[in-house]
Amino acid sequence: MKLKVGSRVIYPHHGAAIVRKVKRTRAFGKISEYLTLEIVHTDMTIQVPADIVDEVGIRAPISKDEVKELLKMISKKSVREPANWSRRYKNYQEKLRSGDVWQVAEVVRNLHLRTKIKDLSAGEKNLYDQAEVLLVSEISFSLNVSHDTAIERVHGALA
């Protein structure tokens, strides 16, 4: 994936990002190209060596058609998940670490449905918030809409 200043990407653990700078730097005895990424929903910037972008999992946002399918998927009301809290929590953590927006969306959907049954534990609430931020930031980029509009779309699909 060839990236340039202004490219909009998804960083797996942090969500939507914009390439703000591409520069060549001497590091570890050799000259390498580094990308400076600004995470859009935080004040965080990350530097990533350009030659490991694929290894890190940096990718383009999903398409508008994929967003439609994603929103349709999270609107489904029946899910299968482990009954055991620790297995469920571990499963959710793995899905978030994957960087796959479909798995992140499953976490959002499943935890949202769980809130209809009972309150989430502090750990589950934290995972839900984290997953929602990742999902909303990607939908915002994919549809080229504001963060608030993306939240409305997600909450509308969950309702």
N, C-alpha and C. Protein backbone atom coordinates (compact mmCIF):
# COMPACT_ATOMS: atom_id res chain seq x y z
N MET A 1 0.85 -1.17 0.00
CA MET A 1 0.00 0.00 0.00
C MET A 1 0.90 1.24 0.00
N LYS A 2 0.82 2.04 -1.03
CA LYS A 2 1.63 3.26 -1.14
C LYS A 2 0.84 4.42 -0.55
N LEU A 3 1.40 5.03 0.49
CA LEU A 3 0.71 6.12 1.18
C LEU A 3 1.45 7.42 0.97
N LYS A 4 0.67 8.51 0.96
CA LYS A 4 1.24 9.85 0.82
C LYS A 4 0.56 10.78 1.82
N VAL A 5 1.09 11.96 1.97
CA VAL A 5 0.50 12.93 2.88
C VAL A 5 -0.97 13.16 2.49
N GLY A 6 -1.84 13.08 3.49
CA GLY A 6 -3.27 13.25 3.25
C GLY A 6 -4.04 11.95 3.09
N SER A 7 -3.32 10.83 2.92
CA SER A 7 -4.01 9.53 2.80
C SER A 7 -4.79 9.24 4.07
N ARG A 8 -5.97 8.69 3.89
CA ARG A 8 -6.82 8.31 5.03
C ARG A 8 -6.72 6.81 5.19
N VAL A 9 -6.34 6.37 6.38
CA VAL A 9 -6.11 4.96 6.64
C VAL A 9 -6.76 4.54 7.95
N ILE A 10 -6.78 3.24 8.15
CA ILE A 10 -7.25 2.68 9.41
C ILE A 10 -6.06 1.99 10.07
N TYR A 11 -5.76 2.44 11.30
CA TYR A 11 -4.72 1.80 12.10
C TYR A 11 -5.45 0.85 13.04
N PRO A 12 -5.15 -0.45 13.00
CA PRO A 12 -5.96 -1.46 13.68
C PRO A 12 -6.34 -1.18 15.14
N HIS A 13 -5.42 -0.71 15.96
CA HIS A 13 -5.72 -0.56 17.38
C HIS A 13 -6.19 0.83 17.76
N HIS A 14 -6.14 1.76 16.81
CA HIS A 14 -6.48 3.14 17.14
C HIS A 14 -7.57 3.74 16.26
N GLY A 15 -7.90 3.09 15.15
CA GLY A 15 -8.96 3.58 14.29
C GLY A 15 -8.48 4.45 13.15
N ALA A 16 -9.33 5.37 12.74
CA ALA A 16 -9.08 6.22 11.58
C ALA A 16 -7.90 7.15 11.83
N ALA A 17 -7.06 7.28 10.79
CA ALA A 17 -5.87 8.13 10.88
C ALA A 17 -5.61 8.79 9.53
N ILE A 18 -4.91 9.91 9.58
CA ILE A 18 -4.51 10.62 8.37
C ILE A 18 -2.99 10.69 8.35
N VAL A 19 -2.41 10.40 7.18
CA VAL A 19 -0.96 10.52 7.03
C VAL A 19 -0.64 12.01 6.98
N ARG A 20 0.09 12.49 7.97
CA ARG A 20 0.42 13.91 8.06
C ARG A 20 1.81 14.24 7.53
N LYS A 21 2.70 13.24 7.55
CA LYS A 21 4.06 13.50 7.11
C LYS A 21 4.69 12.21 6.63
N VAL A 22 5.50 12.31 5.60
CA VAL A 22 6.32 11.20 5.14
C VAL A 22 7.74 11.74 5.10
N LYS A 23 8.62 11.12 5.87
CA LYS A 23 9.99 11.62 5.86
C LYS A 23 10.99 10.49 5.95
N ARG A 24 12.15 10.76 5.41
CA ARG A 24 13.25 9.81 5.46
C ARG A 24 14.10 10.15 6.68
N THR A 25 14.39 9.13 7.47
CA THR A 25 15.13 9.32 8.71
C THR A 25 16.18 8.23 8.86
N ARG A 26 17.31 8.61 9.41
CA ARG A 26 18.34 7.61 9.71
C ARG A 26 17.98 6.99 11.05
N ALA A 27 17.79 5.69 11.06
CA ALA A 27 17.47 4.96 12.28
C ALA A 27 18.11 3.58 12.21
N PHE A 28 18.72 3.19 13.28
CA PHE A 28 19.35 1.87 13.36
C PHE A 28 20.38 1.65 12.25
N GLY A 29 21.10 2.71 11.91
CA GLY A 29 22.18 2.60 10.94
C GLY A 29 21.77 2.61 9.48
N LYS A 30 20.52 2.84 9.20
CA LYS A 30 20.09 2.91 7.79
C LYS A 30 19.04 4.00 7.63
N ILE A 31 18.87 4.45 6.42
CA ILE A 31 17.88 5.48 6.13
C ILE A 31 16.57 4.78 5.76
N SER A 32 15.52 5.14 6.48
CA SER A 32 14.20 4.54 6.25
C SER A 32 13.16 5.64 6.10
N GLU A 33 12.08 5.30 5.44
CA GLU A 33 10.97 6.22 5.30
C GLU A 33 9.98 5.95 6.43
N TYR A 34 9.54 7.02 7.10
CA TYR A 34 8.58 6.92 8.19
C TYR A 34 7.34 7.74 7.87
N LEU A 35 6.20 7.19 8.28
CA LEU A 35 4.92 7.88 8.14
C LEU A 35 4.51 8.41 9.50
N THR A 36 4.07 9.65 9.54
CA THR A 36 3.50 10.20 10.77
C THR A 36 1.99 10.18 10.59
N LEU A 37 1.32 9.41 11.45
CA LEU A 37 -0.13 9.27 11.38
C LEU A 37 -0.77 10.03 12.52
N GLU A 38 -1.81 10.79 12.20
CA GLU A 38 -2.60 11.48 13.22
C GLU A 38 -3.89 10.70 13.41
N ILE A 39 -4.10 10.21 14.61
CA ILE A 39 -5.34 9.49 14.92
C ILE A 39 -6.43 10.55 15.08
N VAL A 40 -7.50 10.44 14.29
CA VAL A 40 -8.45 11.54 14.18
C VAL A 40 -9.29 11.81 15.43
N HIS A 41 -9.59 10.81 16.23
CA HIS A 41 -10.47 11.02 17.38
C HIS A 41 -9.70 11.25 18.69
N THR A 42 -8.38 11.37 18.60
CA THR A 42 -7.56 11.67 19.78
C THR A 42 -6.50 12.68 19.38
N ASP A 43 -5.68 13.07 20.31
CA ASP A 43 -4.57 13.96 20.02
C ASP A 43 -3.29 13.17 19.76
N MET A 44 -3.43 11.91 19.45
CA MET A 44 -2.28 11.03 19.30
C MET A 44 -1.71 11.07 17.89
N THR A 45 -0.38 11.03 17.80
CA THR A 45 0.29 10.82 16.53
C THR A 45 1.20 9.61 16.69
N ILE A 46 1.35 8.87 15.61
CA ILE A 46 2.14 7.65 15.62
C ILE A 46 3.10 7.70 14.44
N GLN A 47 4.33 7.26 14.65
CA GLN A 47 5.26 7.12 13.54
C GLN A 47 5.43 5.65 13.23
N VAL A 48 5.30 5.32 11.96
CA VAL A 48 5.38 3.94 11.53
C VAL A 48 6.36 3.85 10.36
N PRO A 49 7.31 2.91 10.41
CA PRO A 49 8.17 2.70 9.24
C PRO A 49 7.32 2.31 8.03
N ALA A 50 7.52 2.95 6.91
CA ALA A 50 6.71 2.70 5.72
C ALA A 50 6.82 1.26 5.23
N ASP A 51 7.96 0.62 5.48
CA ASP A 51 8.13 -0.73 4.96
C ASP A 51 7.42 -1.81 5.79
N ILE A 52 6.80 -1.43 6.92
CA ILE A 52 6.06 -2.44 7.70
C ILE A 52 4.57 -2.10 7.82
N VAL A 53 4.10 -1.21 6.97
CA VAL A 53 2.69 -0.80 7.01
C VAL A 53 1.76 -2.01 6.93
N ASP A 54 2.06 -2.94 6.02
CA ASP A 54 1.20 -4.12 5.87
C ASP A 54 1.28 -5.03 7.09
N GLU A 55 2.47 -5.20 7.65
CA GLU A 55 2.64 -6.04 8.84
C GLU A 55 1.85 -5.50 10.02
N VAL A 56 1.85 -4.18 10.18
CA VAL A 56 1.14 -3.54 11.28
C VAL A 56 -0.36 -3.67 11.09
N GLY A 57 -0.80 -3.80 9.85
CA GLY A 57 -2.23 -3.95 9.57
C GLY A 57 -2.89 -2.67 9.11
N ILE A 58 -2.10 -1.65 8.81
CA ILE A 58 -2.67 -0.40 8.31
C ILE A 58 -3.32 -0.68 6.96
N ARG A 59 -4.53 -0.19 6.80
CA ARG A 59 -5.29 -0.49 5.57
C ARG A 59 -6.18 0.69 5.22
N ALA A 60 -6.75 0.62 4.03
CA ALA A 60 -7.70 1.64 3.57
C ALA A 60 -9.03 1.41 4.29
N PRO A 61 -9.83 2.47 4.46
CA PRO A 61 -11.18 2.30 5.04
C PRO A 61 -12.04 1.42 4.13
N ILE A 62 -13.06 0.81 4.71
CA ILE A 62 -13.97 0.00 3.90
C ILE A 62 -14.78 0.90 2.97
N SER A 63 -15.39 0.30 1.96
CA SER A 63 -16.17 1.06 0.97
C SER A 63 -17.55 1.41 1.52
N LYS A 64 -18.24 2.30 0.82
CA LYS A 64 -19.61 2.67 1.21
C LYS A 64 -20.54 1.47 1.18
N ASP A 65 -20.37 0.61 0.19
CA ASP A 65 -21.20 -0.60 0.11
C ASP A 65 -20.94 -1.52 1.30
N GLU A 66 -19.67 -1.62 1.70
CA GLU A 66 -19.35 -2.45 2.86
C GLU A 66 -19.93 -1.86 4.14
N VAL A 67 -20.00 -0.53 4.22
CA VAL A 67 -20.62 0.11 5.39
C VAL A 67 -22.09 -0.30 5.47
N LYS A 68 -22.78 -0.30 4.33
CA LYS A 68 -24.19 -0.71 4.33
C LYS A 68 -24.35 -2.14 4.86
N GLU A 69 -23.48 -3.04 4.40
CA GLU A 69 -23.53 -4.43 4.86
C GLU A 69 -23.19 -4.53 6.35
N LEU A 70 -22.23 -3.74 6.77
CA LEU A 70 -21.81 -3.72 8.17
C LEU A 70 -22.96 -3.26 9.07
N LEU A 71 -23.64 -2.20 8.68
CA LEU A 71 -24.77 -1.69 9.46
C LEU A 71 -25.92 -2.69 9.47
N LYS A 72 -26.11 -3.39 8.38
CA LYS A 72 -27.14 -4.43 8.32
C LYS A 72 -26.79 -5.57 9.29
N MET A 73 -25.49 -5.91 9.33
CA MET A 73 -25.04 -6.99 10.21
C MET A 73 -25.24 -6.62 11.69
N ILE A 74 -24.94 -5.38 12.06
CA ILE A 74 -25.06 -5.03 13.48
C ILE A 74 -26.52 -4.84 13.90
N SER A 75 -27.42 -4.77 12.93
CA SER A 75 -28.84 -4.62 13.29
C SER A 75 -29.49 -5.96 13.63
N LYS A 76 -28.79 -7.07 13.36
CA LYS A 76 -29.33 -8.40 13.70
C LYS A 76 -29.40 -8.56 15.21
N LYS A 77 -30.50 -9.11 15.66
CA LYS A 77 -30.75 -9.17 17.10
C LYS A 77 -30.40 -10.50 17.76
N SER A 78 -30.05 -11.50 16.99
CA SER A 78 -29.72 -12.79 17.60
C SER A 78 -28.23 -13.07 17.41
N VAL A 79 -27.58 -13.39 18.49
CA VAL A 79 -26.15 -13.68 18.44
C VAL A 79 -25.86 -14.91 19.29
N ARG A 80 -24.75 -15.55 18.97
CA ARG A 80 -24.28 -16.67 19.78
C ARG A 80 -22.94 -16.26 20.36
N GLU A 81 -22.85 -16.36 21.66
CA GLU A 81 -21.60 -16.01 22.34
C GLU A 81 -21.47 -16.88 23.58
N PRO A 82 -20.24 -17.03 24.08
CA PRO A 82 -20.05 -17.85 25.28
C PRO A 82 -20.83 -17.29 26.47
N ALA A 83 -21.39 -18.17 27.26
CA ALA A 83 -22.12 -17.75 28.45
C ALA A 83 -21.15 -17.34 29.56
N ASN A 84 -19.99 -17.96 29.58
CA ASN A 84 -18.97 -17.68 30.59
C ASN A 84 -18.37 -16.29 30.36
N TRP A 85 -18.40 -15.43 31.40
CA TRP A 85 -17.95 -14.05 31.28
C TRP A 85 -16.50 -13.96 30.82
N SER A 86 -15.60 -14.74 31.41
CA SER A 86 -14.18 -14.62 31.07
C SER A 86 -13.90 -15.06 29.62
N ARG A 87 -14.58 -16.07 29.16
CA ARG A 87 -14.41 -16.50 27.76
C ARG A 87 -14.94 -15.44 26.80
N ARG A 88 -16.07 -14.89 27.15
CA ARG A 88 -16.69 -13.84 26.33
C ARG A 88 -15.76 -12.63 26.26
N TYR A 89 -15.23 -12.21 27.40
CA TYR A 89 -14.35 -11.06 27.47
C TYR A 89 -13.08 -11.29 26.64
N LYS A 90 -12.49 -12.47 26.79
CA LYS A 90 -11.28 -12.81 26.03
C LYS A 90 -11.59 -12.82 24.52
N ASN A 91 -12.73 -13.35 24.16
CA ASN A 91 -13.17 -13.39 22.77
C ASN A 91 -13.29 -11.97 22.21
N TYR A 92 -13.90 -11.08 22.98
CA TYR A 92 -14.05 -9.68 22.56
C TYR A 92 -12.68 -9.01 22.40
N GLN A 93 -11.78 -9.26 23.33
CA GLN A 93 -10.45 -8.66 23.23
C GLN A 93 -9.73 -9.11 21.96
N GLU A 94 -9.83 -10.39 21.65
CA GLU A 94 -9.20 -10.93 20.43
C GLU A 94 -9.79 -10.28 19.17
N LYS A 95 -11.09 -10.10 19.17
CA LYS A 95 -11.74 -9.47 18.02
C LYS A 95 -11.27 -8.03 17.85
N LEU A 96 -11.13 -7.29 18.94
CA LEU A 96 -10.65 -5.91 18.84
C LEU A 96 -9.20 -5.87 18.37
N ARG A 97 -8.38 -6.78 18.86
CA ARG A 97 -6.97 -6.80 18.46
C ARG A 97 -6.79 -7.17 16.99
N SER A 98 -7.76 -7.85 16.41
CA SER A 98 -7.64 -8.31 15.02
C SER A 98 -7.54 -7.15 14.03
N GLY A 99 -8.14 -6.02 14.37
CA GLY A 99 -8.15 -4.89 13.44
C GLY A 99 -9.19 -5.03 12.34
N ASP A 100 -9.92 -6.12 12.33
CA ASP A 100 -10.95 -6.38 11.33
C ASP A 100 -12.24 -5.66 11.74
N VAL A 101 -12.68 -4.74 10.90
CA VAL A 101 -13.86 -3.92 11.24
C VAL A 101 -15.11 -4.78 11.45
N TRP A 102 -15.20 -5.91 10.77
CA TRP A 102 -16.36 -6.79 10.93
C TRP A 102 -16.38 -7.40 12.33
N GLN A 103 -15.22 -7.78 12.83
CA GLN A 103 -15.14 -8.34 14.18
C GLN A 103 -15.38 -7.26 15.23
N VAL A 104 -14.86 -6.06 14.97
CA VAL A 104 -15.11 -4.94 15.87
C VAL A 104 -16.61 -4.65 15.94
N ALA A 105 -17.27 -4.69 14.78
CA ALA A 105 -18.71 -4.44 14.72
C ALA A 105 -19.48 -5.51 15.50
N GLU A 106 -19.01 -6.75 15.45
CA GLU A 106 -19.65 -7.82 16.23
C GLU A 106 -19.58 -7.52 17.72
N VAL A 107 -18.44 -7.01 18.18
CA VAL A 107 -18.28 -6.67 19.59
C VAL A 107 -19.28 -5.58 19.96
N VAL A 108 -19.39 -4.56 19.12
CA VAL A 108 -20.34 -3.48 19.38
C VAL A 108 -21.76 -4.04 19.46
N ARG A 109 -22.13 -4.82 18.47
CA ARG A 109 -23.49 -5.38 18.44
C ARG A 109 -23.76 -6.26 19.66
N ASN A 110 -22.85 -7.19 19.94
CA ASN A 110 -23.08 -8.14 21.03
C ASN A 110 -23.16 -7.45 22.39
N LEU A 111 -22.26 -6.51 22.61
CA LEU A 111 -22.29 -5.82 23.90
C LEU A 111 -23.50 -4.88 24.00
N HIS A 112 -23.90 -4.31 22.89
CA HIS A 112 -25.12 -3.48 22.90
C HIS A 112 -26.33 -4.34 23.26
N LEU A 113 -26.42 -5.50 22.65
CA LEU A 113 -27.53 -6.40 22.96
C LEU A 113 -27.49 -6.85 24.42
N ARG A 114 -26.29 -7.04 24.94
CA ARG A 114 -26.14 -7.45 26.34
C ARG A 114 -26.65 -6.35 27.28
N THR A 115 -26.50 -5.08 26.88
CA THR A 115 -27.00 -3.98 27.73
C THR A 115 -28.52 -4.03 27.86
N LYS A 116 -29.18 -4.67 26.91
CA LYS A 116 -30.64 -4.78 26.96
C LYS A 116 -31.07 -5.81 28.01
N ILE A 117 -30.16 -6.72 28.34
CA ILE A 117 -30.45 -7.77 29.32
C ILE A 117 -30.08 -7.31 30.72
N LYS A 118 -28.85 -6.77 30.85
CA LYS A 118 -28.38 -6.29 32.16
C LYS A 118 -27.22 -5.33 31.94
N ASP A 119 -26.83 -4.65 33.01
CA ASP A 119 -25.71 -3.71 32.92
C ASP A 119 -24.42 -4.46 32.60
N LEU A 120 -23.56 -3.79 31.84
CA LEU A 120 -22.25 -4.36 31.53
C LEU A 120 -21.32 -4.19 32.72
N SER A 121 -20.40 -5.13 32.85
CA SER A 121 -19.35 -4.97 33.87
C SER A 121 -18.45 -3.82 33.42
N ALA A 122 -17.61 -3.35 34.30
CA ALA A 122 -16.69 -2.26 33.96
C ALA A 122 -15.79 -2.65 32.79
N GLY A 123 -15.32 -3.89 32.78
CA GLY A 123 -14.46 -4.36 31.70
C GLY A 123 -15.20 -4.41 30.36
N GLU A 124 -16.42 -4.93 30.40
CA GLU A 124 -17.22 -4.99 29.17
C GLU A 124 -17.58 -3.59 28.68
N LYS A 125 -17.88 -2.69 29.59
CA LYS A 125 -18.20 -1.31 29.22
C LYS A 125 -16.99 -0.66 28.53
N ASN A 126 -15.81 -0.91 29.06
CA ASN A 126 -14.58 -0.38 28.47
C ASN A 126 -14.39 -0.93 27.06
N LEU A 127 -14.58 -2.24 26.88
CA LEU A 127 -14.46 -2.86 25.56
C LEU A 127 -15.50 -2.29 24.60
N TYR A 128 -16.72 -2.11 25.08
CA TYR A 128 -17.79 -1.56 24.25
C TYR A 128 -17.42 -0.16 23.76
N ASP A 129 -16.95 0.68 24.68
CA ASP A 129 -16.56 2.05 24.31
C ASP A 129 -15.42 2.04 23.29
N GLN A 130 -14.44 1.20 23.53
CA GLN A 130 -13.29 1.09 22.62
C GLN A 130 -13.73 0.62 21.24
N ALA A 131 -14.56 -0.40 21.19
CA ALA A 131 -15.04 -0.94 19.92
C ALA A 131 -15.88 0.09 19.17
N GLU A 132 -16.72 0.80 19.90
CA GLU A 132 -17.56 1.81 19.26
C GLU A 132 -16.72 2.93 18.64
N VAL A 133 -15.68 3.37 19.33
CA VAL A 133 -14.80 4.40 18.79
C VAL A 133 -14.15 3.93 17.50
N LEU A 134 -13.65 2.70 17.49
CA LEU A 134 -13.01 2.16 16.29
C LEU A 134 -14.01 2.07 15.13
N LEU A 135 -15.19 1.56 15.42
CA LEU A 135 -16.21 1.39 14.38
C LEU A 135 -16.68 2.73 13.83
N VAL A 136 -16.99 3.65 14.71
CA VAL A 136 -17.49 4.97 14.29
C VAL A 136 -16.43 5.73 13.50
N SER A 137 -15.17 5.65 13.93
CA SER A 137 -14.13 6.39 13.20
C SER A 137 -13.98 5.85 11.78
N GLU A 138 -14.09 4.54 11.61
CA GLU A 138 -13.97 3.98 10.26
C GLU A 138 -15.19 4.33 9.41
N ILE A 139 -16.37 4.25 9.96
CA ILE A 139 -17.57 4.60 9.20
C ILE A 139 -17.54 6.07 8.81
N SER A 140 -17.08 6.91 9.70
CA SER A 140 -16.95 8.34 9.41
C SER A 140 -16.05 8.57 8.20
N PHE A 141 -14.91 7.89 8.16
CA PHE A 141 -13.99 8.00 7.02
C PHE A 141 -14.60 7.42 5.75
N SER A 142 -15.20 6.25 5.87
CA SER A 142 -15.73 5.55 4.70
C SER A 142 -16.85 6.32 4.02
N LEU A 143 -17.71 6.93 4.82
CA LEU A 143 -18.85 7.68 4.26
C LEU A 143 -18.54 9.16 4.10
N ASN A 144 -17.37 9.58 4.58
CA ASN A 144 -16.97 10.99 4.54
C ASN A 144 -18.02 11.87 5.24
N VAL A 145 -18.38 11.44 6.46
CA VAL A 145 -19.34 12.18 7.27
C VAL A 145 -18.70 12.52 8.61
N SER A 146 -19.35 13.38 9.37
CA SER A 146 -18.83 13.77 10.68
C SER A 146 -18.89 12.60 11.65
N HIS A 147 -18.13 12.72 12.70
CA HIS A 147 -18.13 11.72 13.76
C HIS A 147 -19.54 11.54 14.33
N ASP A 148 -20.23 12.65 14.57
CA ASP A 148 -21.59 12.59 15.13
C ASP A 148 -22.56 11.88 14.19
N THR A 149 -22.44 12.14 12.89
CA THR A 149 -23.31 11.47 11.92
C THR A 149 -23.04 9.98 11.90
N ALA A 150 -21.77 9.60 11.99
CA ALA A 150 -21.41 8.17 12.01
C ALA A 150 -21.98 7.50 13.26
N ILE A 151 -21.92 8.19 14.40
CA ILE A 151 -22.50 7.65 15.64
C ILE A 151 -24.01 7.44 15.46
N GLU A 152 -24.67 8.40 14.85
CA GLU A 152 -26.11 8.28 14.61
C GLU A 152 -26.42 7.07 13.75
N ARG A 153 -25.61 6.84 12.72
CA ARG A 153 -25.83 5.68 11.84
C ARG A 153 -25.67 4.37 12.61
N VAL A 154 -24.62 4.30 13.43
CA VAL A 154 -24.39 3.08 14.21
C VAL A 154 -25.52 2.87 15.21
N HIS A 155 -25.89 3.91 15.96
CA HIS A 155 -26.96 3.77 16.94
C HIS A 155 -28.30 3.48 16.27
N GLY A 156 -28.51 4.03 15.09
CA GLY A 156 -29.74 3.73 14.34
C GLY A 156 -29.80 2.26 13.96
N ALA A 157 -28.68 1.71 13.55
CA ALA A 157 -28.66 0.29 13.18
C ALA A 157 -28.83 -0.61 14.41
N LEU A 158 -28.32 -0.17 15.53
CA LEU A 158 -28.44 -0.96 16.76
C LEU A 158 -29.84 -0.91 17.36
N ALA A 159 -30.58 0.16 17.05
CA ALA A 159 -31.91 0.35 17.67
C ALA A 159 -32.92 -0.68 17.20
